[in-house]
Amino acid sequence: MYILTQTGPLEKREDNIYRVQDAALEKKYTEAGYLQRERTYKIMRGHSEYIIHCYEFRHSEDESEPVVIIPEFLVPGRPYPLEVYLYAIDLYSSNPEKGQRWTAAETRKHFGLKTFAHTTLGRALKSLVNGLNKIIGSETAEAQTDSSGSVDDSKQSLFPTAASTAAVRKRSAWFLGGVANQDGQLNIDAYYEIARKWFEAHGRLLL
C-alpha cells in the first residue's frame, strides 16, 4: 500500500539523493508496532538519475503488503516524475490535431530528457483514463469501455491516430483541464495538487 506525503518538486541535489521526510507518519506507524525499513526508487530528472529513499513499514518480517510512504512526484515502477507524465497527457489532450510522437518530442524538449517515447505517453494515458472510469464511473466518459471500466483496445486501431484516441483525449482533458500549463507556463504544483486530492478522495494513486 502506498501513502502520498506532500513534499513539493524534486530539487537538484549534488549527490542526487532524495530522502522522504514525514515525522508524523513515521511516529504513527512505529508507535503502532510496525517495523521500519527503507525502500529505494530511481527516477530521471533531465539528464540526471536520482535515488529516492522512502519509508517502508511492516507489521512483521513476513508481512505480505508493506506500507510505503512516497513523495508526490514519484510514480512507483516508472522512470520519470509525475509531472512528466501529466504534462505529456495534458499537452496531447489539449492539441487534438497533434499526434503522440509530436507530444513525446515536446515533452523531451521541455524536461530535457534523452528519452520519452510516444508509447510511454500511450500507456500513461490509458492508465489515467482507466483509473478515472473505474473510480468515477464511465457513464460520463466518451471512451468505449468494457464491463470493468477499462479502455477496450480492440475498438482502437493498431497504431494510435488522432481519430482513434479522440475519446480518451476528451476524457483526460476533462479531468486535467490544462490547469497546470497555461500561457506557456508550467505549474508543477497544480499537478501535485490534482494527484494529492485524488489520493485523499479515493485512496489510490493517480497513475
C-alpha atoms as a PDB file:
ATOM      1  CA  MET A   1       0.000   0.000   0.000  1.00  0.00           C
ATOM      2  CA  TYR A   2       1.287   3.427  -0.941  1.00  0.00           C
ATOM      3  CA  ILE A   3       0.653   6.616   1.003  1.00  0.00           C
ATOM      4  CA  LEU A   4       1.421  10.018  -0.506  1.00  0.00           C
ATOM      5  CA  THR A   5       3.219  12.628   1.519  1.00  0.00           C
ATOM      6  CA  GLN A   6       3.375  16.271   0.491  1.00  0.00           C
ATOM      7  CA  THR A   7       6.956  17.098  -0.476  1.00  0.00           C
ATOM      8  CA  GLY A   8       6.973  19.572  -3.347  1.00  0.00           C
ATOM      9  CA  PRO A   9       9.092  19.203  -6.516  1.00  0.00           C
ATOM     10  CA  LEU A  10      12.229  17.135  -6.720  1.00  0.00           C
ATOM     11  CA  GLU A  11      15.021  19.642  -6.203  1.00  0.00           C
ATOM     12  CA  LYS A  12      18.506  19.463  -7.662  1.00  0.00           C
ATOM     13  CA  ARG A  13      20.927  17.924  -5.211  1.00  0.00           C
ATOM     14  CA  GLU A  14      24.659  17.470  -5.584  1.00  0.00           C
ATOM     15  CA  ASP A  15      24.501  13.827  -4.502  1.00  0.00           C
ATOM     16  CA  ASN A  16      21.314  13.118  -6.497  1.00  0.00           C
ATOM     17  CA  ILE A  17      19.735  11.523  -3.434  1.00  0.00           C
ATOM     18  CA  TYR A  18      16.299  12.443  -2.098  1.00  0.00           C
ATOM     19  CA  ARG A  19      15.058  11.209   1.269  1.00  0.00           C
ATOM     20  CA  VAL A  20      11.372  11.377   2.120  1.00  0.00           C
ATOM     21  CA  GLN A  21      10.750  13.131   5.430  1.00  0.00           C
ATOM     22  CA  ASP A  22       7.443  12.772   7.273  1.00  0.00           C
ATOM     23  CA  ALA A  23       7.891  12.692  11.051  1.00  0.00           C
ATOM     24  CA  ALA A  24       4.150  12.385  11.749  1.00  0.00           C
ATOM     25  CA  LEU A  25       3.690   9.267   9.626  1.00  0.00           C
ATOM     26  CA  GLU A  26       6.917   7.753  10.921  1.00  0.00           C
ATOM     27  CA  LYS A  27       5.717   8.224  14.503  1.00  0.00           C
ATOM     28  CA  LYS A  28       2.252   6.869  13.693  1.00  0.00           C
ATOM     29  CA  TYR A  29       3.493   3.567  12.321  1.00  0.00           C
ATOM     30  CA  THR A  30       6.386   2.974  14.713  1.00  0.00           C
ATOM     31  CA  GLU A  31       4.125   3.583  17.722  1.00  0.00           C
ATOM     32  CA  ALA A  32       1.632   1.125  16.227  1.00  0.00           C
ATOM     33  CA  GLY A  33       4.336  -1.536  16.308  1.00  0.00           C
ATOM     34  CA  TYR A  34       5.354  -1.555  12.664  1.00  0.00           C
ATOM     35  CA  LEU A  35       8.901  -2.461  11.699  1.00  0.00           C
ATOM     36  CA  GLN A  36      10.594   0.350   9.774  1.00  0.00           C
ATOM     37  CA  ARG A  37      12.692  -0.260   6.705  1.00  0.00           C
ATOM     38  CA  GLU A  38      13.695   1.699   3.648  1.00  0.00           C
ATOM     39  CA  ARG A  39      12.780   1.267   0.001  1.00  0.00           C
ATOM     40  CA  THR A  40      14.600   2.935  -2.874  1.00  0.00           C
ATOM     41  CA  TYR A  41      13.476   4.013  -6.338  1.00  0.00           C
ATOM     42  CA  LYS A  42      15.319   5.537  -9.286  1.00  0.00           C
ATOM     43  CA  ILE A  43      13.912   8.293 -11.488  1.00  0.00           C
ATOM     44  CA  MET A  44      15.259  10.568 -14.214  1.00  0.00           C
ATOM     45  CA  ARG A  45      15.143  14.328 -13.911  1.00  0.00           C
ATOM     46  CA  GLY A  46      16.555  15.957 -17.023  1.00  0.00           C
ATOM     47  CA  HIS A  47      19.745  14.055 -17.803  1.00  0.00           C
ATOM     48  CA  SER A  48      20.342  13.046 -14.178  1.00  0.00           C
ATOM     49  CA  GLU A  49      19.301   9.944 -12.297  1.00  0.00           C
ATOM     50  CA  TYR A  50      18.028  10.370  -8.745  1.00  0.00           C
ATOM     51  CA  ILE A  51      17.740   7.822  -5.977  1.00  0.00           C
ATOM     52  CA  ILE A  52      14.632   8.243  -3.831  1.00  0.00           C
ATOM     53  CA  HIS A  53      14.657   6.773  -0.329  1.00  0.00           C
ATOM     54  CA  CYS A  54      11.203   6.080   1.124  1.00  0.00           C
ATOM     55  CA  TYR A  55       9.935   4.775   4.456  1.00  0.00           C
ATOM     56  CA  GLU A  56       8.610   1.212   4.411  1.00  0.00           C
ATOM     57  CA  PHE A  57       6.616  -0.168   7.341  1.00  0.00           C
ATOM     58  CA  ARG A  58       5.638  -3.788   8.005  1.00  0.00           C
ATOM     59  CA  HIS A  59       3.732  -5.485  10.818  1.00  0.00           C
ATOM     60  CA  SER A  60       6.285  -8.292  10.781  1.00  0.00           C
ATOM     61  CA  GLU A  61       9.118  -9.659   8.691  1.00  0.00           C
ATOM     62  CA  ASP A  62       6.748 -11.785   6.607  1.00  0.00           C
ATOM     63  CA  GLU A  63       4.040  -9.142   6.169  1.00  0.00           C
ATOM     64  CA  SER A  64       2.739  -9.501   2.602  1.00  0.00           C
ATOM     65  CA  GLU A  65       1.718  -5.889   1.998  1.00  0.00           C
ATOM     66  CA  PRO A  66       4.006  -3.182   3.395  1.00  0.00           C
ATOM     67  CA  VAL A  67       3.050   0.464   3.795  1.00  0.00           C
ATOM     68  CA  VAL A  68       5.337   2.655   1.708  1.00  0.00           C
ATOM     69  CA  ILE A  69       5.430   6.442   2.157  1.00  0.00           C
ATOM     70  CA  ILE A  70       6.195   8.050  -1.187  1.00  0.00           C
ATOM     71  CA  PRO A  71       6.606  11.672  -2.329  1.00  0.00           C
ATOM     72  CA  GLU A  72       4.022  13.253  -4.604  1.00  0.00           C
ATOM     73  CA  PHE A  73       6.342  13.310  -7.600  1.00  0.00           C
ATOM     74  CA  LEU A  74       7.042   9.559  -7.536  1.00  0.00           C
ATOM     75  CA  VAL A  75       5.202   7.096  -9.766  1.00  0.00           C
ATOM     76  CA  PRO A  76       6.341   3.666  -8.498  1.00  0.00           C
ATOM     77  CA  GLY A  77       7.727   1.496 -11.275  1.00  0.00           C
ATOM     78  CA  ARG A  78       8.067   4.371 -13.749  1.00  0.00           C
ATOM     79  CA  PRO A  79      11.286   6.225 -14.571  1.00  0.00           C
ATOM     80  CA  TYR A  80      10.102   9.857 -14.587  1.00  0.00           C
ATOM     81  CA  PRO A  81       8.478  12.219 -12.072  1.00  0.00           C
ATOM     82  CA  LEU A  82       4.688  12.538 -12.082  1.00  0.00           C
ATOM     83  CA  GLU A  83       4.723  15.936 -13.779  1.00  0.00           C
ATOM     84  CA  VAL A  84       6.371  14.491 -16.899  1.00  0.00           C
ATOM     85  CA  TYR A  85       3.515  12.057 -17.498  1.00  0.00           C
ATOM     86  CA  LEU A  86       0.736  14.518 -16.652  1.00  0.00           C
ATOM     87  CA  TYR A  87       2.345  17.241 -18.768  1.00  0.00           C
ATOM     88  CA  ALA A  88       2.503  14.879 -21.743  1.00  0.00           C
ATOM     89  CA  ILE A  89      -1.101  13.736 -21.256  1.00  0.00           C
ATOM     90  CA  ASP A  90      -2.276  17.325 -20.778  1.00  0.00           C
ATOM     91  CA  LEU A  91      -0.411  18.527 -23.863  1.00  0.00           C
ATOM     92  CA  TYR A  92      -1.668  15.668 -26.006  1.00  0.00           C
ATOM     93  CA  SER A  93      -5.254  16.078 -24.831  1.00  0.00           C
ATOM     94  CA  SER A  94      -5.188  19.829 -25.436  1.00  0.00           C
ATOM     95  CA  ASN A  95      -3.893  19.532 -29.012  1.00  0.00           C
ATOM     96  CA  PRO A  96      -6.239  17.186 -30.889  1.00  0.00           C
ATOM     97  CA  GLU A  97      -4.548  17.994 -34.196  1.00  0.00           C
ATOM     98  CA  LYS A  98      -1.205  16.669 -32.936  1.00  0.00           C
ATOM     99  CA  GLY A  99      -0.026  13.088 -32.558  1.00  0.00           C
ATOM    100  CA  GLN A 100       1.669  11.146 -29.802  1.00  0.00           C
ATOM    101  CA  ARG A 101       5.109  11.342 -31.452  1.00  0.00           C
ATOM    102  CA  TRP A 102       4.920  15.135 -31.550  1.00  0.00           C
ATOM    103  CA  THR A 103       3.806  15.236 -27.920  1.00  0.00           C
ATOM    104  CA  ALA A 104       6.614  12.910 -26.847  1.00  0.00           C
ATOM    105  CA  ALA A 105       9.177  15.103 -28.632  1.00  0.00           C
ATOM    106  CA  GLU A 106       7.798  18.257 -26.984  1.00  0.00           C
ATOM    107  CA  THR A 107       7.884  16.534 -23.589  1.00  0.00           C
ATOM    108  CA  ARG A 108      11.519  15.516 -24.061  1.00  0.00           C
ATOM    109  CA  LYS A 109      12.384  19.069 -25.035  1.00  0.00           C
ATOM    110  CA  HIS A 110      10.504  20.658 -22.149  1.00  0.00           C
ATOM    111  CA  PHE A 111      12.042  18.477 -19.431  1.00  0.00           C
ATOM    112  CA  GLY A 112      15.454  17.976 -21.018  1.00  0.00           C
ATOM    113  CA  LEU A 113      15.019  14.217 -21.325  1.00  0.00           C
ATOM    114  CA  LYS A 114      17.070  11.958 -23.557  1.00  0.00           C
ATOM    115  CA  THR A 115      14.215   9.527 -23.882  1.00  0.00           C
ATOM    116  CA  PHE A 116      10.435   9.708 -23.591  1.00  0.00           C
ATOM    117  CA  ALA A 117       8.626   7.609 -26.164  1.00  0.00           C
ATOM    118  CA  HIS A 118       5.175   8.037 -27.651  1.00  0.00           C
ATOM    119  CA  THR A 119       4.407   4.531 -26.372  1.00  0.00           C
ATOM    120  CA  THR A 120       5.184   5.750 -22.839  1.00  0.00           C
ATOM    121  CA  LEU A 121       2.625   8.508 -23.321  1.00  0.00           C
ATOM    122  CA  GLY A 122       0.096   5.986 -24.609  1.00  0.00           C
ATOM    123  CA  ARG A 123       0.481   3.741 -21.568  1.00  0.00           C
ATOM    124  CA  ALA A 124       0.240   6.658 -19.139  1.00  0.00           C
ATOM    125  CA  LEU A 125      -2.863   7.986 -20.883  1.00  0.00           C
ATOM    126  CA  LYS A 126      -4.518   4.579 -20.778  1.00  0.00           C
ATOM    127  CA  SER A 127      -3.656   4.177 -17.087  1.00  0.00           C
ATOM    128  CA  LEU A 128      -5.136   7.558 -16.212  1.00  0.00           C
ATOM    129  CA  VAL A 129      -8.367   7.071 -18.157  1.00  0.00           C
ATOM    130  CA  ASN A 130      -8.902   3.518 -16.899  1.00  0.00           C
ATOM    131  CA  GLY A 131      -8.470   4.785 -13.329  1.00  0.00           C
ATOM    132  CA  LEU A 132     -10.959   7.586 -13.915  1.00  0.00           C
ATOM    133  CA  ASN A 133     -13.521   5.214 -15.381  1.00  0.00           C
ATOM    134  CA  LYS A 134     -13.182   2.673 -12.577  1.00  0.00           C
ATOM    135  CA  ILE A 135     -13.439   5.178  -9.753  1.00  0.00           C
ATOM    136  CA  ILE A 136     -15.695   7.935 -11.079  1.00  0.00           C
ATOM    137  CA  GLY A 137     -17.646   5.726 -13.458  1.00  0.00           C
ATOM    138  CA  SER A 138     -17.690   5.650 -17.208  1.00  0.00           C
ATOM    139  CA  GLU A 139     -21.225   6.894 -17.724  1.00  0.00           C
ATOM    140  CA  THR A 140     -19.900  10.410 -18.346  1.00  0.00           C
ATOM    141  CA  ALA A 141     -16.930   9.198 -20.388  1.00  0.00           C
ATOM    142  CA  GLU A 142     -16.941   9.217 -24.146  1.00  0.00           C
ATOM    143  CA  ALA A 143     -14.347   6.397 -24.235  1.00  0.00           C
ATOM    144  CA  GLN A 144     -15.554   2.929 -25.185  1.00  0.00           C
ATOM    145  CA  THR A 145     -15.145   0.685 -22.150  1.00  0.00           C
ATOM    146  CA  ASP A 146     -15.599  -2.939 -21.264  1.00  0.00           C
ATOM    147  CA  SER A 147     -17.524  -4.209 -18.250  1.00  0.00           C
ATOM    148  CA  SER A 148     -14.593  -3.483 -15.910  1.00  0.00           C
ATOM    149  CA  GLY A 149     -14.421   0.138 -16.994  1.00  0.00           C
ATOM    150  CA  SER A 150     -11.145  -0.287 -18.898  1.00  0.00           C
ATOM    151  CA  VAL A 151     -10.424   1.187 -22.290  1.00  0.00           C
ATOM    152  CA  ASP A 152     -11.090  -1.555 -24.846  1.00  0.00           C
ATOM    153  CA  ASP A 153      -8.041  -1.778 -27.102  1.00  0.00           C
ATOM    154  CA  SER A 154      -9.933  -3.928 -29.599  1.00  0.00           C
ATOM    155  CA  LYS A 155     -12.022  -0.911 -30.508  1.00  0.00           C
ATOM    156  CA  GLN A 156      -8.947   1.166 -31.318  1.00  0.00           C
ATOM    157  CA  SER A 157      -6.690   0.904 -34.346  1.00  0.00           C
ATOM    158  CA  LEU A 158      -3.390  -0.987 -34.070  1.00  0.00           C
ATOM    159  CA  PHE A 159      -1.458   2.272 -34.467  1.00  0.00           C
ATOM    160  CA  PRO A 160      -2.974   5.182 -32.490  1.00  0.00           C
ATOM    161  CA  THR A 161      -4.286   8.088 -34.532  1.00  0.00           C
ATOM    162  CA  ALA A 162      -5.961  11.361 -33.635  1.00  0.00           C
ATOM    163  CA  ALA A 163      -9.314   9.790 -34.522  1.00  0.00           C
ATOM    164  CA  SER A 164      -8.824   6.520 -32.641  1.00  0.00           C
ATOM    165  CA  THR A 165      -7.726   8.270 -29.435  1.00  0.00           C
ATOM    166  CA  ALA A 166     -10.277  11.099 -29.534  1.00  0.00           C
ATOM    167  CA  ALA A 167     -12.381   9.600 -26.735  1.00  0.00           C
ATOM    168  CA  VAL A 168      -9.553   9.128 -24.243  1.00  0.00           C
ATOM    169  CA  ARG A 169      -8.167  12.570 -25.114  1.00  0.00           C
ATOM    170  CA  LYS A 170     -11.514  14.108 -24.276  1.00  0.00           C
ATOM    171  CA  ARG A 171     -11.749  12.189 -21.017  1.00  0.00           C
ATOM    172  CA  SER A 172      -8.270  13.190 -19.829  1.00  0.00           C
ATOM    173  CA  ALA A 173      -8.770  16.799 -20.970  1.00  0.00           C
ATOM    174  CA  TRP A 174     -11.973  16.921 -18.905  1.00  0.00           C
ATOM    175  CA  PHE A 175     -10.040  15.760 -15.832  1.00  0.00           C
ATOM    176  CA  LEU A 176      -6.790  17.733 -16.157  1.00  0.00           C
ATOM    177  CA  GLY A 177      -8.298  20.774 -17.819  1.00  0.00           C
ATOM    178  CA  GLY A 178      -4.955  22.284 -18.814  1.00  0.00           C
ATOM    179  CA  VAL A 179      -4.759  23.963 -15.384  1.00  0.00           C
ATOM    180  CA  ALA A 180      -1.041  23.364 -14.994  1.00  0.00           C
ATOM    181  CA  ASN A 181       0.042  24.570 -18.411  1.00  0.00           C
ATOM    182  CA  GLN A 182      -1.453  27.968 -19.097  1.00  0.00           C
ATOM    183  CA  ASP A 183       0.101  30.744 -21.184  1.00  0.00           C
ATOM    184  CA  GLY A 184       3.149  28.561 -21.760  1.00  0.00           C
ATOM    185  CA  GLN A 185       3.985  28.458 -18.044  1.00  0.00           C
ATOM    186  CA  LEU A 186       4.065  25.074 -16.343  1.00  0.00           C
ATOM    187  CA  ASN A 187       2.710  24.957 -12.793  1.00  0.00           C
ATOM    188  CA  ILE A 188       4.029  21.662 -11.428  1.00  0.00           C
ATOM    189  CA  ASP A 189       2.348  22.223  -8.061  1.00  0.00           C
ATOM    190  CA  ALA A 190      -1.027  22.093  -9.805  1.00  0.00           C
ATOM    191  CA  TYR A 191      -0.305  18.542 -10.954  1.00  0.00           C
ATOM    192  CA  TYR A 192       0.760  17.562  -7.445  1.00  0.00           C
ATOM    193  CA  GLU A 193      -2.445  19.032  -6.053  1.00  0.00           C
ATOM    194  CA  ILE A 194      -4.517  17.016  -8.509  1.00  0.00           C
ATOM    195  CA  ALA A 195      -2.695  13.815  -7.502  1.00  0.00           C
ATOM    196  CA  ARG A 196      -2.985  14.660  -3.803  1.00  0.00           C
ATOM    197  CA  LYS A 197      -6.723  15.366  -3.950  1.00  0.00           C
ATOM    198  CA  TRP A 198      -7.292  12.192  -5.954  1.00  0.00           C
ATOM    199  CA  PHE A 199      -5.457  10.137  -3.333  1.00  0.00           C
ATOM    200  CA  GLU A 200      -7.272  11.813  -0.451  1.00  0.00           C
ATOM    201  CA  ALA A 201     -10.640  11.180  -2.091  1.00  0.00           C
ATOM    202  CA  HIS A 202     -10.100   7.620  -3.366  1.00  0.00           C
ATOM    203  CA  GLY A 203      -7.111   6.172  -1.503  1.00  0.00           C
ATOM    204  CA  ARG A 204      -5.245   5.241  -4.670  1.00  0.00           C
ATOM    205  CA  LEU A 205      -2.505   6.727  -6.830  1.00  0.00           C
ATOM    206  CA  LEU A 206      -3.425   8.705  -9.913  1.00  0.00           C
ATOM    207  CA  LEU A 207      -1.036   6.738 -12.152  1.00  0.00           C
END
